[in-house]
C-alpha atoms as a PDB file:
ATOM      1  CA  MET A   1     158.329-166.151  38.035  1.00  0.00           C
ATOM      2  CA  ASN A   2     159.639-169.307  39.867  1.00  0.00           C
ATOM      3  CA  SER A   3     157.151-172.146  41.236  1.00  0.00           C
ATOM      4  CA  THR A   4     157.487-170.988  44.793  1.00  0.00           C
ATOM      5  CA  THR A   5     156.924-167.285  44.077  1.00  0.00           C
ATOM      6  CA  GLU A   6     153.924-168.178  41.944  1.00  0.00           C
ATOM      7  CA  LYS A   7     152.464-170.291  44.780  1.00  0.00           C
ATOM      8  CA  MET A   8     152.858-167.380  47.234  1.00  0.00           C
ATOM      9  CA  THR A   9     151.313-165.092  44.798  1.00  0.00           C
ATOM     10  CA  THR A  10     148.282-167.377  44.342  1.00  0.00           C
ATOM     11  CA  ASP A  11     147.880-168.107  48.071  1.00  0.00           C
ATOM     12  CA  TYR A  12     147.959-164.425  48.946  1.00  0.00           C
ATOM     13  CA  LEU A  13     145.321-163.542  46.227  1.00  0.00           C
ATOM     14  CA  GLU A  14     143.259-166.555  47.276  1.00  0.00           C
ATOM     15  CA  ALA A  15     143.441-165.303  50.958  1.00  0.00           C
ATOM     16  CA  LEU A  16     142.174-161.811  49.914  1.00  0.00           C
ATOM     17  CA  GLN A  17     139.458-163.337  47.811  1.00  0.00           C
ATOM     18  CA  TRP A  18     138.417-165.367  50.992  1.00  0.00           C
ATOM     19  CA  ARG A  19     138.149-162.542  53.220  1.00  0.00           C
ATOM     20  CA  TYR A  20     135.081-160.281  53.619  1.00  0.00           C
ATOM     21  CA  ALA A  21     133.635-157.920  56.315  1.00  0.00           C
ATOM     22  CA  THR A  22     132.332-160.519  58.692  1.00  0.00           C
ATOM     23  CA  LYS A  23     128.888-159.650  60.047  1.00  0.00           C
ATOM     24  CA  LYS A  24     128.477-162.679  62.438  1.00  0.00           C
ATOM     25  CA  PHE A  25     131.354-164.173  64.501  1.00  0.00           C
ATOM     26  CA  ASP A  26     131.314-167.366  66.174  1.00  0.00           C
ATOM     27  CA  ALA A  27     131.374-166.409  69.783  1.00  0.00           C
ATOM     28  CA  ASP A  28     133.011-169.520  71.109  1.00  0.00           C
ATOM     29  CA  LYS A  29     136.087-169.637  68.927  1.00  0.00           C
ATOM     30  CA  ARG A  30     139.218-167.672  70.027  1.00  0.00           C
ATOM     31  CA  ILE A  31     142.429-166.640  68.382  1.00  0.00           C
ATOM     32  CA  SER A  32     145.649-168.503  69.700  1.00  0.00           C
ATOM     33  CA  GLU A  33     148.136-166.611  71.351  1.00  0.00           C
ATOM     34  CA  ALA A  34     150.638-167.401  68.499  1.00  0.00           C
ATOM     35  CA  ASP A  35     148.294-166.071  65.817  1.00  0.00           C
ATOM     36  CA  LEU A  36     147.505-162.962  67.991  1.00  0.00           C
ATOM     37  CA  ALA A  37     151.140-162.239  68.109  1.00  0.00           C
ATOM     38  CA  THR A  38     151.680-162.666  64.366  1.00  0.00           C
ATOM     39  CA  LEU A  39     148.781-160.048  63.808  1.00  0.00           C
ATOM     40  CA  GLN A  40     150.319-157.706  66.011  1.00  0.00           C
ATOM     41  CA  GLN A  41     153.554-157.964  64.322  1.00  0.00           C
ATOM     42  CA  ALA A  42     151.843-157.458  61.108  1.00  0.00           C
ATOM     43  CA  ILE A  43     150.629-154.039  62.335  1.00  0.00           C
ATOM     44  CA  ARG A  44     154.034-153.267  63.760  1.00  0.00           C
ATOM     45  CA  LEU A  45     155.735-153.756  60.482  1.00  0.00           C
ATOM     46  CA  SER A  46     153.239-151.638  58.544  1.00  0.00           C
ATOM     47  CA  ALA A  47     154.307-148.834  56.434  1.00  0.00           C
ATOM     48  CA  SER A  48     153.826-145.406  58.132  1.00  0.00           C
ATOM     49  CA  SER A  49     154.737-141.772  56.757  1.00  0.00           C
ATOM     50  CA  TYR A  50     158.337-140.889  57.677  1.00  0.00           C
ATOM     51  CA  GLY A  51     158.043-144.314  59.778  1.00  0.00           C
ATOM     52  CA  LEU A  52     156.495-142.036  62.738  1.00  0.00           C
ATOM     53  CA  GLN A  53     153.585-144.410  63.567  1.00  0.00           C
ATOM     54  CA  PRO A  54     151.567-141.661  65.217  1.00  0.00           C
ATOM     55  CA  TYR A  55     148.881-143.938  66.663  1.00  0.00           C
ATOM     56  CA  THR A  56     148.250-146.504  69.278  1.00  0.00           C
ATOM     57  CA  VAL A  57     146.436-149.901  68.574  1.00  0.00           C
ATOM     58  CA  LEU A  58     144.381-151.294  71.716  1.00  0.00           C
ATOM     59  CA  VAL A  59     143.672-155.018  71.674  1.00  0.00           C
ATOM     60  CA  ILE A  60     140.557-155.564  73.562  1.00  0.00           C
ATOM     61  CA  SER A  61     139.396-158.834  74.795  1.00  0.00           C
ATOM     62  CA  ASN A  62     137.805-157.603  78.190  1.00  0.00           C
ATOM     63  CA  THR A  63     134.122-158.798  78.092  1.00  0.00           C
ATOM     64  CA  GLU A  64     132.827-156.044  80.075  1.00  0.00           C
ATOM     65  CA  LEU A  65     134.424-153.246  78.270  1.00  0.00           C
ATOM     66  CA  ARG A  66     133.316-154.591  74.948  1.00  0.00           C
ATOM     67  CA  GLU A  67     129.732-154.707  76.118  1.00  0.00           C
ATOM     68  CA  LYS A  68     130.017-150.955  76.739  1.00  0.00           C
ATOM     69  CA  LEU A  69     131.727-150.457  73.192  1.00  0.00           C
ATOM     70  CA  ARG A  70     128.903-152.418  71.598  1.00  0.00           C
ATOM     71  CA  HIS A  71     126.422-149.676  72.578  1.00  0.00           C
ATOM     72  CA  ALA A  72     128.628-147.118  71.129  1.00  0.00           C
ATOM     73  CA  CYS A  73     128.985-149.052  67.969  1.00  0.00           C
ATOM     74  CA  TRP A  74     125.480-148.998  66.854  1.00  0.00           C
ATOM     75  CA  ASN A  75     124.783-152.226  68.818  1.00  0.00           C
ATOM     76  CA  GLN A  76     126.703-154.379  66.200  1.00  0.00           C
ATOM     77  CA  PRO A  77     127.200-158.051  67.464  1.00  0.00           C
ATOM     78  CA  GLN A  78     130.837-158.156  66.066  1.00  0.00           C
ATOM     79  CA  ILE A  79     132.243-155.982  68.957  1.00  0.00           C
ATOM     80  CA  THR A  80     130.990-158.536  71.622  1.00  0.00           C
ATOM     81  CA  ASP A  81     131.123-161.877  69.355  1.00  0.00           C
ATOM     82  CA  ALA A  82     134.677-161.716  68.063  1.00  0.00           C
ATOM     83  CA  SER A  83     137.609-163.081  69.592  1.00  0.00           C
ATOM     84  CA  HIS A  84     139.299-159.769  69.998  1.00  0.00           C
ATOM     85  CA  VAL A  85     138.666-156.174  69.083  1.00  0.00           C
ATOM     86  CA  PHE A  86     141.485-153.874  67.606  1.00  0.00           C
ATOM     87  CA  VAL A  87     140.962-150.233  68.008  1.00  0.00           C
ATOM     88  CA  PHE A  88     143.154-147.998  66.040  1.00  0.00           C
ATOM     89  CA  ALA A  89     143.605-144.553  67.474  1.00  0.00           C
ATOM     90  CA  GLY A  90     145.396-141.782  66.095  1.00  0.00           C
ATOM     91  CA  LYS A  91     147.097-138.903  67.840  1.00  0.00           C
ATOM     92  CA  LYS A  92     145.054-135.687  67.909  1.00  0.00           C
ATOM     93  CA  ASP A  93     148.033-133.514  68.248  1.00  0.00           C
ATOM     94  CA  PHE A  94     151.745-133.847  68.566  1.00  0.00           C
ATOM     95  CA  ASP A  95     155.011-131.978  68.862  1.00  0.00           C
ATOM     96  CA  GLN A  96     158.687-132.446  68.159  1.00  0.00           C
ATOM     97  CA  ASP A  97     158.860-135.035  70.829  1.00  0.00           C
ATOM     98  CA  LEU A  98     157.265-137.476  68.323  1.00  0.00           C
ATOM     99  CA  ILE A  99     159.877-136.701  65.836  1.00  0.00           C
ATOM    100  CA  ASP A 100     162.769-136.591  68.351  1.00  0.00           C
ATOM    101  CA  SER A 101     161.736-139.956  69.916  1.00  0.00           C
ATOM    102  CA  TYR A 102     161.718-141.522  66.400  1.00  0.00           C
ATOM    103  CA  LEU A 103     165.170-140.325  65.597  1.00  0.00           C
ATOM    104  CA  ASN A 104     166.586-141.770  68.942  1.00  0.00           C
ATOM    105  CA  LEU A 105     165.016-145.091  67.829  1.00  0.00           C
ATOM    106  CA  VAL A 106     166.686-144.806  64.439  1.00  0.00           C
ATOM    107  CA  SER A 107     169.912-143.827  65.868  1.00  0.00           C
ATOM    108  CA  THR A 108     169.848-146.829  68.347  1.00  0.00           C
ATOM    109  CA  THR A 109     168.495-149.494  65.918  1.00  0.00           C
ATOM    110  CA  ARG A 110     171.106-148.442  63.150  1.00  0.00           C
ATOM    111  CA  ASN A 111     173.831-147.655  65.329  1.00  0.00           C
ATOM    112  CA  LEU A 112     173.905-144.130  63.746  1.00  0.00           C
ATOM    113  CA  PRO A 113     175.132-140.838  65.388  1.00  0.00           C
ATOM    114  CA  LEU A 114     172.285-138.932  66.467  1.00  0.00           C
ATOM    115  CA  ASP A 115     173.484-135.841  64.870  1.00  0.00           C
ATOM    116  CA  SER A 116     173.769-137.561  61.491  1.00  0.00           C
ATOM    117  CA  LEU A 117     169.863-137.477  61.505  1.00  0.00           C
ATOM    118  CA  SER A 118     169.469-133.842  62.379  1.00  0.00           C
ATOM    119  CA  GLY A 119     168.723-132.772  58.763  1.00  0.00           C
ATOM    120  CA  TYR A 120     166.062-135.568  58.312  1.00  0.00           C
ATOM    121  CA  GLY A 121     164.661-134.367  61.487  1.00  0.00           C
ATOM    122  CA  ASP A 122     164.526-130.790  60.519  1.00  0.00           C
ATOM    123  CA  PHE A 123     162.786-131.732  57.264  1.00  0.00           C
ATOM    124  CA  MET A 124     160.037-133.759  59.100  1.00  0.00           C
ATOM    125  CA  LYS A 125     159.387-130.943  61.651  1.00  0.00           C
ATOM    126  CA  SER A 126     159.192-128.291  58.794  1.00  0.00           C
ATOM    127  CA  LYS A 127     156.630-130.567  57.005  1.00  0.00           C
ATOM    128  CA  LEU A 128     154.510-131.651  60.139  1.00  0.00           C
ATOM    129  CA  LEU A 129     154.779-129.405  63.005  1.00  0.00           C
ATOM    130  CA  GLU A 130     153.316-126.181  61.422  1.00  0.00           C
ATOM    131  CA  LEU A 131     150.043-128.201  60.269  1.00  0.00           C
ATOM    132  CA  PRO A 132     146.828-127.238  62.056  1.00  0.00           C
ATOM    133  CA  ARG A 133     145.726-129.579  64.828  1.00  0.00           C
ATOM    134  CA  ALA A 134     142.858-130.959  62.856  1.00  0.00           C
ATOM    135  CA  SER A 135     145.320-131.610  59.795  1.00  0.00           C
ATOM    136  CA  LYS A 136     147.775-133.365  62.329  1.00  0.00           C
ATOM    137  CA  ALA A 137     144.665-135.620  63.575  1.00  0.00           C
ATOM    138  CA  SER A 138     143.638-136.385  59.998  1.00  0.00           C
ATOM    139  CA  TRP A 139     147.171-137.320  59.131  1.00  0.00           C
ATOM    140  CA  SER A 140     147.513-139.530  62.156  1.00  0.00           C
ATOM    141  CA  SER A 141     144.283-141.223  61.321  1.00  0.00           C
ATOM    142  CA  HIS A 142     145.455-141.973  57.623  1.00  0.00           C
ATOM    143  CA  GLN A 143     148.589-143.725  59.006  1.00  0.00           C
ATOM    144  CA  ALA A 144     146.298-145.915  61.319  1.00  0.00           C
ATOM    145  CA  TYR A 145     144.549-146.796  58.181  1.00  0.00           C
ATOM    146  CA  LEU A 146     147.675-148.159  56.714  1.00  0.00           C
ATOM    147  CA  ALA A 147     148.235-150.272  59.611  1.00  0.00           C
ATOM    148  CA  ALA A 148     144.655-151.731  59.753  1.00  0.00           C
ATOM    149  CA  GLY A 149     145.207-152.852  56.113  1.00  0.00           C
ATOM    150  CA  ASN A 150     148.189-154.906  57.121  1.00  0.00           C
ATOM    151  CA  LEU A 151     145.969-156.396  59.906  1.00  0.00           C
ATOM    152  CA  LEU A 152     143.248-157.272  57.284  1.00  0.00           C
ATOM    153  CA  SER A 153     145.762-158.995  54.836  1.00  0.00           C
ATOM    154  CA  ALA A 154     147.743-160.858  57.664  1.00  0.00           C
ATOM    155  CA  ALA A 155     144.493-162.152  59.156  1.00  0.00           C
ATOM    156  CA  ALA A 156     143.320-163.437  55.718  1.00  0.00           C
ATOM    157  CA  SER A 157     146.490-165.239  55.200  1.00  0.00           C
ATOM    158  CA  LEU A 158     145.971-167.113  58.558  1.00  0.00           C
ATOM    159  CA  GLN A 159     142.341-167.490  57.720  1.00  0.00           C
ATOM    160  CA  ILE A 160     141.223-165.351  60.587  1.00  0.00           C
ATOM    161  CA  ASP A 161     138.167-163.235  59.965  1.00  0.00           C
ATOM    162  CA  THR A 162     137.963-159.423  60.272  1.00  0.00           C
ATOM    163  CA  CYS A 163     135.212-156.637  60.141  1.00  0.00           C
ATOM    164  CA  PRO A 164     136.728-153.232  59.506  1.00  0.00           C
ATOM    165  CA  MET A 165     134.255-150.810  61.079  1.00  0.00           C
ATOM    166  CA  GLU A 166     133.694-147.063  60.911  1.00  0.00           C
ATOM    167  CA  GLY A 167     130.173-147.452  62.144  1.00  0.00           C
ATOM    168  CA  PHE A 168     130.396-146.134  65.632  1.00  0.00           C
ATOM    169  CA  GLU A 169     130.099-142.975  67.726  1.00  0.00           C
ATOM    170  CA  LYS A 170     133.650-141.467  67.964  1.00  0.00           C
ATOM    171  CA  GLU A 171     133.275-139.377  71.157  1.00  0.00           C
ATOM    172  CA  ALA A 172     131.490-142.244  73.090  1.00  0.00           C
ATOM    173  CA  VAL A 173     134.246-144.769  72.131  1.00  0.00           C
ATOM    174  CA  ASP A 174     136.964-142.370  73.074  1.00  0.00           C
ATOM    175  CA  ALA A 175     135.278-141.902  76.470  1.00  0.00           C
ATOM    176  CA  ILE A 176     134.885-145.500  77.070  1.00  0.00           C
ATOM    177  CA  LEU A 177     138.503-146.042  76.273  1.00  0.00           C
ATOM    178  CA  ASN A 178     139.722-142.959  77.985  1.00  0.00           C
ATOM    179  CA  LEU A 179     141.373-141.914  74.879  1.00  0.00           C
ATOM    180  CA  GLY A 180     141.205-138.313  75.327  1.00  0.00           C
ATOM    181  CA  GLU A 181     143.559-138.187  78.275  1.00  0.00           C
ATOM    182  CA  LYS A 182     146.093-140.249  76.112  1.00  0.00           C
ATOM    183  CA  GLY A 183     145.915-137.507  73.277  1.00  0.00           C
ATOM    184  CA  LEU A 184     144.230-140.136  70.944  1.00  0.00           C
ATOM    185  CA  THR A 185     140.903-140.340  69.048  1.00  0.00           C
ATOM    186  CA  THR A 186     139.439-143.404  67.531  1.00  0.00           C
ATOM    187  CA  ALA A 187     140.217-143.836  63.760  1.00  0.00           C
ATOM    188  CA  LEU A 188     138.841-147.370  63.002  1.00  0.00           C
ATOM    189  CA  ILE A 189     137.775-150.512  64.850  1.00  0.00           C
ATOM    190  CA  VAL A 190     138.494-153.961  63.666  1.00  0.00           C
ATOM    191  CA  PRO A 191     136.970-156.961  65.211  1.00  0.00           C
ATOM    192  CA  VAL A 192     138.933-160.168  64.725  1.00  0.00           C
ATOM    193  CA  GLY A 193     137.865-163.934  65.143  1.00  0.00           C
ATOM    194  CA  TYR A 194     136.278-166.495  63.185  1.00  0.00           C
ATOM    195  CA  ARG A 195     133.055-166.409  60.950  1.00  0.00           C
ATOM    196  CA  ASP A 196     129.787-168.204  62.035  1.00  0.00           C
ATOM    197  CA  GLU A 197     128.785-170.815  59.883  1.00  0.00           C
ATOM    198  CA  SER A 198     125.382-168.996  59.762  1.00  0.00           C
ATOM    199  CA  ASP A 199     126.662-165.651  58.475  1.00  0.00           C
ATOM    200  CA  GLN A 200     125.185-165.697  55.080  1.00  0.00           C
ATOM    201  CA  THR A 201     127.260-162.699  53.980  1.00  0.00           C
ATOM    202  CA  GLN A 202     130.277-165.104  53.420  1.00  0.00           C
ATOM    203  CA  PHE A 203     128.412-166.707  50.309  1.00  0.00           C
ATOM    204  CA  TYR A 204     128.030-163.496  48.650  1.00  0.00           C
ATOM    205  CA  LYS A 205     130.050-162.853  45.459  1.00  0.00           C
ATOM    206  CA  LYS A 206     132.824-160.184  46.022  1.00  0.00           C
ATOM    207  CA  VAL A 207     131.886-157.222  44.353  1.00  0.00           C
ATOM    208  CA  ARG A 208     134.760-154.949  42.927  1.00  0.00           C
ATOM    209  CA  ARG A 209     135.350-152.611  39.820  1.00  0.00           C
ATOM    210  CA  THR A 210     136.986-154.058  36.909  1.00  0.00           C
ATOM    211  CA  PRO A 211     140.701-153.623  36.314  1.00  0.00           C
ATOM    212  CA  GLU A 212     139.822-151.482  33.358  1.00  0.00           C
ATOM    213  CA  GLU A 213     137.704-149.261  35.397  1.00  0.00           C
ATOM    214  CA  LEU A 214     140.016-149.071  38.484  1.00  0.00           C
ATOM    215  CA  PHE A 215     143.475-148.650  36.922  1.00  0.00           C
ATOM    216  CA  LEU A 216     144.756-146.026  34.743  1.00  0.00           C
ATOM    217  CA  HIS A 217     148.008-146.899  33.076  1.00  0.00           C
ATOM    218  CA  ILE A 218     149.929-143.790  31.924  1.00  0.00           C
END
């Protein structure tokens, strides 16, 4: 490992050690447009099964909307105090249009004949389209979680705080954001911003299982 790679590795791990689920944000601090664009690009570049990205990410700054969301999120102050709120919403159902639109994008991006991708398209359709509706929704939600992981890591590298949240009333959030009419449902909510100096949680030691407990080398 050369010195540049070693420093990048150290910086990355230090960023992950620095991050925590922020309980209290500084309501007066806002993320710059440049940093917000970086976070969005990190989400966009996330891994996704088959590359399909079966989700939409809402980036919410509107104050009135966030006040409504807070009531549906167990009245947690992160929703209103953070700079922005990212809502990851997975598709509740999908048909071949999801796959066909992706194949068209691949064809255009890589300058490939569309018919050369037909075998891959048929394979995806055989694996995904016959799934029960509930399984499709679950799979879409899992893909959204992958993207959220990218957001957490990218934010930490910029020393931007985050708080991944599952504590919310799904149906209420979906209704507030009109997700049902878009064929979407909330998977995960992530407020982003900057920690308040009075948030005592930032001083807690990070608790994780030991490598020996967590990893099994075979």
